[in-house]
PDB file of N, CA and C in Angstrom:
ATOM      1  N   MET A   1       0.849  -1.237  -0.011  1.00  0.00           N
ATOM      2  CA  MET A   1      -0.012  -0.042  -0.036  1.00  0.00           C
ATOM      3  C   MET A   1       0.834   1.226  -0.140  1.00  0.00           C
ATOM      4  N   ASN A   2       0.717   2.176  -0.943  1.00  0.00           N
ATOM      5  CA  ASN A   2       1.550   3.384  -1.011  1.00  0.00           C
ATOM      6  C   ASN A   2       0.966   4.428  -0.123  1.00  0.00           C
ATOM      7  N   SER A   3       1.614   5.460  -0.006  1.00  0.00           N
ATOM      8  CA  SER A   3       1.383   6.639   0.820  1.00  0.00           C
ATOM      9  C   SER A   3       0.094   7.220   0.640  1.00  0.00           C
ATOM     10  N   GLU A   4      -0.425   7.407  -0.584  1.00  0.00           N
ATOM     11  CA  GLU A   4      -1.685   8.062  -0.945  1.00  0.00           C
ATOM     12  C   GLU A   4      -2.798   6.907  -0.528  1.00  0.00           C
ATOM     13  N   GLU A   5      -2.576   5.707  -0.821  1.00  0.00           N
ATOM     14  CA  GLU A   5      -3.603   4.686  -0.443  1.00  0.00           C
ATOM     15  C   GLU A   5      -3.883   4.696   1.109  1.00  0.00           C
ATOM     16  N   ILE A   6      -2.681   4.824   1.794  1.00  0.00           N
ATOM     17  CA  ILE A   6      -2.919   4.842   3.285  1.00  0.00           C
ATOM     18  C   ILE A   6      -3.726   6.001   3.763  1.00  0.00           C
ATOM     19  N   LYS A   7      -3.372   7.216   3.201  1.00  0.00           N
ATOM     20  CA  LYS A   7      -4.256   8.360   3.500  1.00  0.00           C
ATOM     21  C   LYS A   7      -5.518   8.210   3.147  1.00  0.00           C
ATOM     22  N   GLU A   8      -5.978   7.770   1.931  1.00  0.00           N
ATOM     23  CA  GLU A   8      -7.276   7.527   1.530  1.00  0.00           C
ATOM     24  C   GLU A   8      -7.981   6.582   2.519  1.00  0.00           C
ATOM     25  N   THR A   9      -7.310   5.503   2.926  1.00  0.00           N
ATOM     26  CA  THR A   9      -7.961   4.662   3.798  1.00  0.00           C
ATOM     27  C   THR A   9      -8.337   5.268   5.150  1.00  0.00           C
ATOM     28  N   ILE A  10      -7.431   6.039   5.593  1.00  0.00           N
ATOM     29  CA  ILE A  10      -7.591   6.813   6.885  1.00  0.00           C
ATOM     30  C   ILE A  10      -8.696   7.761   6.658  1.00  0.00           C
ATOM     31  N   ARG A  11      -8.787   8.410   5.616  1.00  0.00           N
ATOM     32  CA  ARG A  11      -9.928   9.487   5.298  1.00  0.00           C
ATOM     33  C   ARG A  11     -11.165   8.780   5.281  1.00  0.00           C
ATOM     34  N   GLY A  12     -11.180   7.506   4.650  1.00  0.00           N
ATOM     35  CA  GLY A  12     -12.514   6.899   4.477  1.00  0.00           C
ATOM     36  C   GLY A  12     -13.025   6.420   5.957  1.00  0.00           C
ATOM     37  N   LEU A  13     -12.114   5.922   6.750  1.00  0.00           N
ATOM     38  CA  LEU A  13     -12.435   5.529   8.182  1.00  0.00           C
ATOM     39  C   LEU A  13     -12.981   6.722   8.875  1.00  0.00           C
ATOM     40  N   ILE A  14     -12.316   7.844   8.806  1.00  0.00           N
ATOM     41  CA  ILE A  14     -12.732   9.063   9.596  1.00  0.00           C
ATOM     42  C   ILE A  14     -14.050   9.510   9.071  1.00  0.00           C
ATOM     43  N   THR A  15     -14.287   9.416   7.686  1.00  0.00           N
ATOM     44  CA  THR A  15     -15.574   9.917   7.167  1.00  0.00           C
ATOM     45  C   THR A  15     -16.757   8.926   7.691  1.00  0.00           C
ATOM     46  N   GLU A  16     -16.446   7.625   7.763  1.00  0.00           N
ATOM     47  CA  GLU A  16     -17.504   6.745   8.274  1.00  0.00           C
ATOM     48  C   GLU A  16     -17.816   7.091   9.691  1.00  0.00           C
ATOM     49  N   ILE A  17     -16.853   7.345  10.532  1.00  0.00           N
ATOM     50  CA  ILE A  17     -17.107   7.488  12.042  1.00  0.00           C
ATOM     51  C   ILE A  17     -17.726   8.832  12.121  1.00  0.00           C
ATOM     52  N   ALA A  18     -17.360   9.847  11.287  1.00  0.00           N
ATOM     53  CA  ALA A  18     -18.045  11.161  11.457  1.00  0.00           C
ATOM     54  C   ALA A  18     -19.376  11.111  11.097  1.00  0.00           C
ATOM     55  N   GLU A  19     -19.739  10.320   9.995  1.00  0.00           N
ATOM     56  CA  GLU A  19     -21.155  10.303   9.527  1.00  0.00           C
ATOM     57  C   GLU A  19     -22.035   9.566  10.590  1.00  0.00           C
ATOM     58  N   ASP A  20     -21.481   8.638  11.278  1.00  0.00           N
ATOM     59  CA  ASP A  20     -22.122   8.018  12.339  1.00  0.00           C
ATOM     60  C   ASP A  20     -22.545   8.928  13.590  1.00  0.00           C
ATOM     61  N   MET A  21     -21.550   9.941  13.661  1.00  0.00           N
ATOM     62  CA  MET A  21     -21.764  10.963  14.764  1.00  0.00           C
ATOM     63  C   MET A  21     -22.407  12.218  14.191  1.00  0.00           C
ATOM     64  N   ASP A  22     -22.964  12.136  12.988  1.00  0.00           N
ATOM     65  CA  ASP A  22     -23.625  13.323  12.412  1.00  0.00           C
ATOM     66  C   ASP A  22     -22.786  14.552  12.292  1.00  0.00           C
ATOM     67  N   VAL A  23     -21.462  14.327  12.012  1.00  0.00           N
ATOM     68  CA  VAL A  23     -20.547  15.393  11.724  1.00  0.00           C
ATOM     69  C   VAL A  23     -20.637  15.970  10.326  1.00  0.00           C
ATOM     70  N   GLU A  24     -20.716  17.141  10.141  1.00  0.00           N
ATOM     71  CA  GLU A  24     -20.773  17.726   8.662  1.00  0.00           C
ATOM     72  C   GLU A  24     -19.593  17.296   7.854  1.00  0.00           C
ATOM     73  N   THR A  25     -19.851  16.867   6.627  1.00  0.00           N
ATOM     74  CA  THR A  25     -18.779  16.345   5.913  1.00  0.00           C
ATOM     75  C   THR A  25     -17.740  17.418   5.374  1.00  0.00           C
ATOM     76  N   ASP A  26     -18.347  18.659   5.424  1.00  0.00           N
ATOM     77  CA  ASP A  26     -17.416  19.860   5.146  1.00  0.00           C
ATOM     78  C   ASP A  26     -16.292  19.968   6.027  1.00  0.00           C
ATOM     79  N   SER A  27     -16.559  19.550   7.161  1.00  0.00           N
ATOM     80  CA  SER A  27     -15.505  19.787   8.298  1.00  0.00           C
ATOM     81  C   SER A  27     -14.329  18.571   8.292  1.00  0.00           C
ATOM     82  N   ILE A  28     -14.347  17.715   7.227  1.00  0.00           N
ATOM     83  CA  ILE A  28     -13.505  16.563   7.231  1.00  0.00           C
ATOM     84  C   ILE A  28     -12.601  16.928   6.300  1.00  0.00           C
ATOM     85  N   THR A  29     -11.423  17.551   6.754  1.00  0.00           N
ATOM     86  CA  THR A  29     -10.288  17.890   5.927  1.00  0.00           C
ATOM     87  C   THR A  29      -9.031  17.176   6.436  1.00  0.00           C
ATOM     88  N   ASP A  30      -8.010  17.014   5.607  1.00  0.00           N
ATOM     89  CA  ASP A  30      -6.768  16.414   6.158  1.00  0.00           C
ATOM     90  C   ASP A  30      -6.209  16.960   7.281  1.00  0.00           C
ATOM     91  N   ASP A  31      -6.366  18.418   7.636  1.00  0.00           N
ATOM     92  CA  ASP A  31      -5.670  19.005   8.674  1.00  0.00           C
ATOM     93  C   ASP A  31      -6.639  19.367   9.852  1.00  0.00           C
ATOM     94  N   ALA A  32      -8.052  19.022   9.596  1.00  0.00           N
ATOM     95  CA  ALA A  32      -8.998  19.403  10.790  1.00  0.00           C
ATOM     96  C   ALA A  32      -8.763  18.489  11.835  1.00  0.00           C
ATOM     97  N   SER A  33      -8.861  19.099  13.000  1.00  0.00           N
ATOM     98  CA  SER A  33      -8.746  18.551  14.317  1.00  0.00           C
ATOM     99  C   SER A  33      -9.916  17.564  14.499  1.00  0.00           C
ATOM    100  N   PHE A  34      -9.696  16.326  14.897  1.00  0.00           N
ATOM    101  CA  PHE A  34     -10.596  15.315  15.215  1.00  0.00           C
ATOM    102  C   PHE A  34     -11.761  15.912  16.358  1.00  0.00           C
ATOM    103  N   VAL A  35     -11.172  16.557  17.356  1.00  0.00           N
ATOM    104  CA  VAL A  35     -11.879  16.853  18.432  1.00  0.00           C
ATOM    105  C   VAL A  35     -12.538  18.321  18.238  1.00  0.00           C
ATOM    106  N   GLU A  36     -11.631  19.350  17.976  1.00  0.00           N
ATOM    107  CA  GLU A  36     -12.112  20.643  17.789  1.00  0.00           C
ATOM    108  C   GLU A  36     -12.965  20.989  16.574  1.00  0.00           C
ATOM    109  N   ASP A  37     -12.550  20.440  15.420  1.00  0.00           N
ATOM    110  CA  ASP A  37     -13.242  20.695  14.215  1.00  0.00           C
ATOM    111  C   ASP A  37     -14.412  19.780  13.965  1.00  0.00           C
ATOM    112  N   MET A  38     -14.292  18.515  14.203  1.00  0.00           N
ATOM    113  CA  MET A  38     -15.185  17.555  13.916  1.00  0.00           C
ATOM    114  C   MET A  38     -15.985  17.115  15.066  1.00  0.00           C
ATOM    115  N   GLY A  39     -15.552  17.347  16.361  1.00  0.00           N
ATOM    116  CA  GLY A  39     -16.482  16.976  17.420  1.00  0.00           C
ATOM    117  C   GLY A  39     -16.401  15.589  17.725  1.00  0.00           C
ATOM    118  N   LEU A  40     -15.359  14.841  17.405  1.00  0.00           N
ATOM    119  CA  LEU A  40     -15.303  13.348  17.771  1.00  0.00           C
ATOM    120  C   LEU A  40     -14.886  13.287  19.130  1.00  0.00           C
ATOM    121  N   ASP A  41     -15.451  12.192  19.882  1.00  0.00           N
ATOM    122  CA  ASP A  41     -15.379  12.051  21.227  1.00  0.00           C
ATOM    123  C   ASP A  41     -14.159  10.965  21.475  1.00  0.00           C
ATOM    124  N   SER A  42     -13.838  10.728  22.607  1.00  0.00           N
ATOM    125  CA  SER A  42     -12.703   9.755  22.967  1.00  0.00           C
ATOM    126  C   SER A  42     -13.097   8.468  22.568  1.00  0.00           C
ATOM    127  N   MET A  43     -14.369   8.098  22.566  1.00  0.00           N
ATOM    128  CA  MET A  43     -14.658   6.570  22.077  1.00  0.00           C
ATOM    129  C   MET A  43     -14.392   6.568  20.565  1.00  0.00           C
ATOM    130  N   ALA A  44     -14.802   7.586  19.834  1.00  0.00           N
ATOM    131  CA  ALA A  44     -14.650   7.484  18.360  1.00  0.00           C
ATOM    132  C   ALA A  44     -13.047   7.516  18.185  1.00  0.00           C
ATOM    133  N   LEU A  45     -12.312   8.166  18.901  1.00  0.00           N
ATOM    134  CA  LEU A  45     -10.831   8.373  18.682  1.00  0.00           C
ATOM    135  C   LEU A  45     -10.198   6.941  18.965  1.00  0.00           C
ATOM    136  N   LEU A  46     -10.780   6.282  19.953  1.00  0.00           N
ATOM    137  CA  LEU A  46     -10.158   4.993  20.274  1.00  0.00           C
ATOM    138  C   LEU A  46     -10.581   4.002  19.018  1.00  0.00           C
ATOM    139  N   GLU A  47     -11.730   4.062  18.640  1.00  0.00           N
ATOM    140  CA  GLU A  47     -12.221   3.255  17.364  1.00  0.00           C
ATOM    141  C   GLU A  47     -11.251   3.521  16.246  1.00  0.00           C
ATOM    142  N   VAL A  48     -10.819   4.712  15.963  1.00  0.00           N
ATOM    143  CA  VAL A  48     -10.066   5.110  14.811  1.00  0.00           C
ATOM    144  C   VAL A  48      -8.592   4.447  15.048  1.00  0.00           C
ATOM    145  N   LEU A  49      -8.062   4.531  16.270  1.00  0.00           N
ATOM    146  CA  LEU A  49      -6.855   4.071  16.597  1.00  0.00           C
ATOM    147  C   LEU A  49      -6.824   2.458  16.447  1.00  0.00           C
ATOM    148  N   ALA A  50      -7.731   1.744  17.017  1.00  0.00           N
ATOM    149  CA  ALA A  50      -7.795   0.309  17.050  1.00  0.00           C
ATOM    150  C   ALA A  50      -7.997  -0.174  15.576  1.00  0.00           C
ATOM    151  N   THR A  51      -8.976   0.584  14.738  1.00  0.00           N
ATOM    152  CA  THR A  51      -9.109   0.151  13.327  1.00  0.00           C
ATOM    153  C   THR A  51      -7.785   0.456  12.546  1.00  0.00           C
ATOM    154  N   MET A  52      -6.941   1.562  12.881  1.00  0.00           N
ATOM    155  CA  MET A  52      -5.827   1.685  12.055  1.00  0.00           C
ATOM    156  C   MET A  52      -4.757   0.619  12.455  1.00  0.00           C
ATOM    157  N   GLU A  53      -4.732   0.160  13.554  1.00  0.00           N
ATOM    158  CA  GLU A  53      -3.652  -0.807  14.003  1.00  0.00           C
ATOM    159  C   GLU A  53      -4.032  -2.149  13.267  1.00  0.00           C
ATOM    160  N   LYS A  54      -5.374  -2.421  13.380  1.00  0.00           N
ATOM    161  CA  LYS A  54      -5.720  -3.638  12.630  1.00  0.00           C
ATOM    162  C   LYS A  54      -5.563  -3.609  11.094  1.00  0.00           C
ATOM    163  N   LYS A  55      -6.063  -2.560  10.479  1.00  0.00           N
ATOM    164  CA  LYS A  55      -6.016  -2.350   9.091  1.00  0.00           C
ATOM    165  C   LYS A  55      -4.603  -2.354   8.506  1.00  0.00           C
ATOM    166  N   PHE A  56      -3.830  -1.685   9.247  1.00  0.00           N
ATOM    167  CA  PHE A  56      -2.198  -1.526   8.617  1.00  0.00           C
ATOM    168  C   PHE A  56      -1.308  -2.596   9.312  1.00  0.00           C
ATOM    169  N   GLY A  57      -1.819  -3.392  10.276  1.00  0.00           N
ATOM    170  CA  GLY A  57      -0.953  -4.376  10.992  1.00  0.00           C
ATOM    171  C   GLY A  57       0.208  -3.676  11.670  1.00  0.00           C
ATOM    172  N   VAL A  58      -0.082  -2.497  12.423  1.00  0.00           N
ATOM    173  CA  VAL A  58       1.011  -1.912  13.208  1.00  0.00           C
ATOM    174  C   VAL A  58       0.410  -1.835  14.613  1.00  0.00           C
ATOM    175  N   SER A  59       1.470  -1.816  15.509  1.00  0.00           N
ATOM    176  CA  SER A  59       1.100  -1.441  16.867  1.00  0.00           C
ATOM    177  C   SER A  59       1.639   0.034  17.289  1.00  0.00           C
ATOM    178  N   ILE A  60       0.581   0.810  17.714  1.00  0.00           N
ATOM    179  CA  ILE A  60       0.866   2.183  18.021  1.00  0.00           C
ATOM    180  C   ILE A  60       0.937   2.328  19.446  1.00  0.00           C
ATOM    181  N   PRO A  61       1.972   2.768  20.040  1.00  0.00           N
ATOM    182  CA  PRO A  61       1.992   2.918  21.479  1.00  0.00           C
ATOM    183  C   PRO A  61       1.042   4.083  21.967  1.00  0.00           C
ATOM    184  N   GLU A  62       0.388   3.726  23.246  1.00  0.00           N
ATOM    185  CA  GLU A  62      -0.439   4.636  23.787  1.00  0.00           C
ATOM    186  C   GLU A  62       0.166   5.975  23.899  1.00  0.00           C
ATOM    187  N   SER A  63       1.351   6.158  24.073  1.00  0.00           N
ATOM    188  CA  SER A  63       2.127   7.367  24.159  1.00  0.00           C
ATOM    189  C   SER A  63       1.969   8.352  22.868  1.00  0.00           C
ATOM    190  N   GLU A  64       1.559   7.673  21.810  1.00  0.00           N
ATOM    191  CA  GLU A  64       1.338   8.389  20.544  1.00  0.00           C
ATOM    192  C   GLU A  64      -0.006   9.080  20.476  1.00  0.00           C
ATOM    193  N   PHE A  65      -0.826   8.415  21.150  1.00  0.00           N
ATOM    194  CA  PHE A  65      -2.349   8.860  21.071  1.00  0.00           C
ATOM    195  C   PHE A  65      -2.626  10.327  21.060  1.00  0.00           C
ATOM    196  N   PRO A  66      -2.114  11.005  22.034  1.00  0.00           N
ATOM    197  CA  PRO A  66      -2.417  12.514  22.052  1.00  0.00           C
ATOM    198  C   PRO A  66      -1.943  13.227  20.844  1.00  0.00           C
ATOM    199  N   ASN A  67      -1.072  12.638  20.235  1.00  0.00           N
ATOM    200  CA  ASN A  67      -0.449  13.339  18.933  1.00  0.00           C
ATOM    201  C   ASN A  67      -1.183  13.207  17.755  1.00  0.00           C
ATOM    202  N   ILE A  68      -2.151  12.075  17.679  1.00  0.00           N
ATOM    203  CA  ILE A  68      -2.927  11.743  16.582  1.00  0.00           C
ATOM    204  C   ILE A  68      -4.201  12.462  16.600  1.00  0.00           C
ATOM    205  N   THR A  69      -4.075  13.718  15.968  1.00  0.00           N
ATOM    206  CA  THR A  69      -5.268  14.669  16.142  1.00  0.00           C
ATOM    207  C   THR A  69      -5.959  15.043  14.708  1.00  0.00           C
ATOM    208  N   SER A  70      -5.409  14.539  13.646  1.00  0.00           N
ATOM    209  CA  SER A  70      -5.903  14.898  12.373  1.00  0.00           C
ATOM    210  C   SER A  70      -5.663  13.771  11.426  1.00  0.00           C
ATOM    211  N   ILE A  71      -6.211  13.837  10.141  1.00  0.00           N
ATOM    212  CA  ILE A  71      -5.909  12.806   9.317  1.00  0.00           C
ATOM    213  C   ILE A  71      -4.503  12.794   8.831  1.00  0.00           C
ATOM    214  N   ASN A  72      -3.903  13.997   8.653  1.00  0.00           N
ATOM    215  CA  ASN A  72      -2.473  14.133   8.335  1.00  0.00           C
ATOM    216  C   ASN A  72      -1.596  13.443   9.385  1.00  0.00           C
ATOM    217  N   LYS A  73      -1.950  13.614  10.645  1.00  0.00           N
ATOM    218  CA  LYS A  73      -1.226  13.034  11.806  1.00  0.00           C
ATOM    219  C   LYS A  73      -1.276  11.585  11.840  1.00  0.00           C
ATOM    220  N   CYS A  74      -2.580  11.186  11.636  1.00  0.00           N
ATOM    221  CA  CYS A  74      -2.745   9.714  11.487  1.00  0.00           C
ATOM    222  C   CYS A  74      -1.925   9.022  10.482  1.00  0.00           C
ATOM    223  N   HIS A  75      -1.785   9.727   9.311  1.00  0.00           N
ATOM    224  CA  HIS A  75      -1.110   9.132   8.176  1.00  0.00           C
ATOM    225  C   HIS A  75       0.367   9.019   8.558  1.00  0.00           C
ATOM    226  N   ALA A  76       0.848  10.130   9.096  1.00  0.00           N
ATOM    227  CA  ALA A  76       2.336  10.184   9.457  1.00  0.00           C
ATOM    228  C   ALA A  76       2.699   9.163  10.479  1.00  0.00           C
ATOM    229  N   THR A  77       1.842   9.044  11.487  1.00  0.00           N
ATOM    230  CA  THR A  77       2.033   8.036  12.497  1.00  0.00           C
ATOM    231  C   THR A  77       2.048   6.575  12.003  1.00  0.00           C
ATOM    232  N   VAL A  78       0.967   6.188  11.095  1.00  0.00           N
ATOM    233  CA  VAL A  78       0.942   4.859  10.497  1.00  0.00           C
ATOM    234  C   VAL A  78       2.176   4.607   9.551  1.00  0.00           C
ATOM    235  N   GLU A  79       2.635   5.670   8.873  1.00  0.00           N
ATOM    236  CA  GLU A  79       3.843   5.441   8.036  1.00  0.00           C
ATOM    237  C   GLU A  79       5.054   5.273   8.827  1.00  0.00           C
ATOM    238  N   LYS A  80       5.188   6.060   9.974  1.00  0.00           N
ATOM    239  CA  LYS A  80       6.225   5.888  10.895  1.00  0.00           C
ATOM    240  C   LYS A  80       6.409   4.407  11.480  1.00  0.00           C
ATOM    241  N   TYR A  81       5.236   3.717  11.777  1.00  0.00           N
ATOM    242  CA  TYR A  81       5.316   2.479  12.343  1.00  0.00           C
ATOM    243  C   TYR A  81       5.392   1.363  11.233  1.00  0.00           C
ATOM    244  N   LEU A  82       4.924   1.632  10.197  1.00  0.00           N
ATOM    245  CA  LEU A  82       4.988   0.668   9.037  1.00  0.00           C
ATOM    246  C   LEU A  82       6.551   0.577   8.706  1.00  0.00           C
ATOM    247  N   ALA A  83       7.221   1.804   8.582  1.00  0.00           N
ATOM    248  CA  ALA A  83       8.598   1.803   8.265  1.00  0.00           C
ATOM    249  C   ALA A  83       9.419   1.115   9.387  1.00  0.00           C
ATOM    250  N   ALA A  84       8.981   1.167  10.580  1.00  0.00           N
ATOM    251  CA  ALA A  84       9.663   0.748  11.815  1.00  0.00           C
ATOM    252  C   ALA A  84       9.738  -0.862  11.591  1.00  0.00           C
ATOM    253  N   GLU A  85       8.649  -1.326  11.063  1.00  0.00           N
ATOM    254  CA  GLU A  85       8.369  -2.749  11.072  1.00  0.00           C
ATOM    255  C   GLU A  85       9.085  -3.579   9.909  1.00  0.00           C
ATOM    256  N   LYS A  86       9.559  -2.783   9.022  1.00  0.00           N
ATOM    257  CA  LYS A  86      10.234  -3.337   7.799  1.00  0.00           C
ATOM    258  C   LYS A  86      11.742  -3.701   8.124  1.00  0.00           C
TER     259      LYS A  86
END
């Protein structure tokens, strides 16, 4: 999976979760904050992280969680841990 496919997968996941929470699709951008801009709650964020780990086969340490605040930051984190596993 290349870099753009990873980002598209993350964007799709966020869009699904946001739709379930009645978030305006206009607010879903690569740099939008999950909490401040989209209004995702902590349970939604845990779902995002668990799904990312499963989908990409990576283990993301809990210490990274506070830094994963947007699609771009999710993407960077996934790529970082995919590279570490090679």
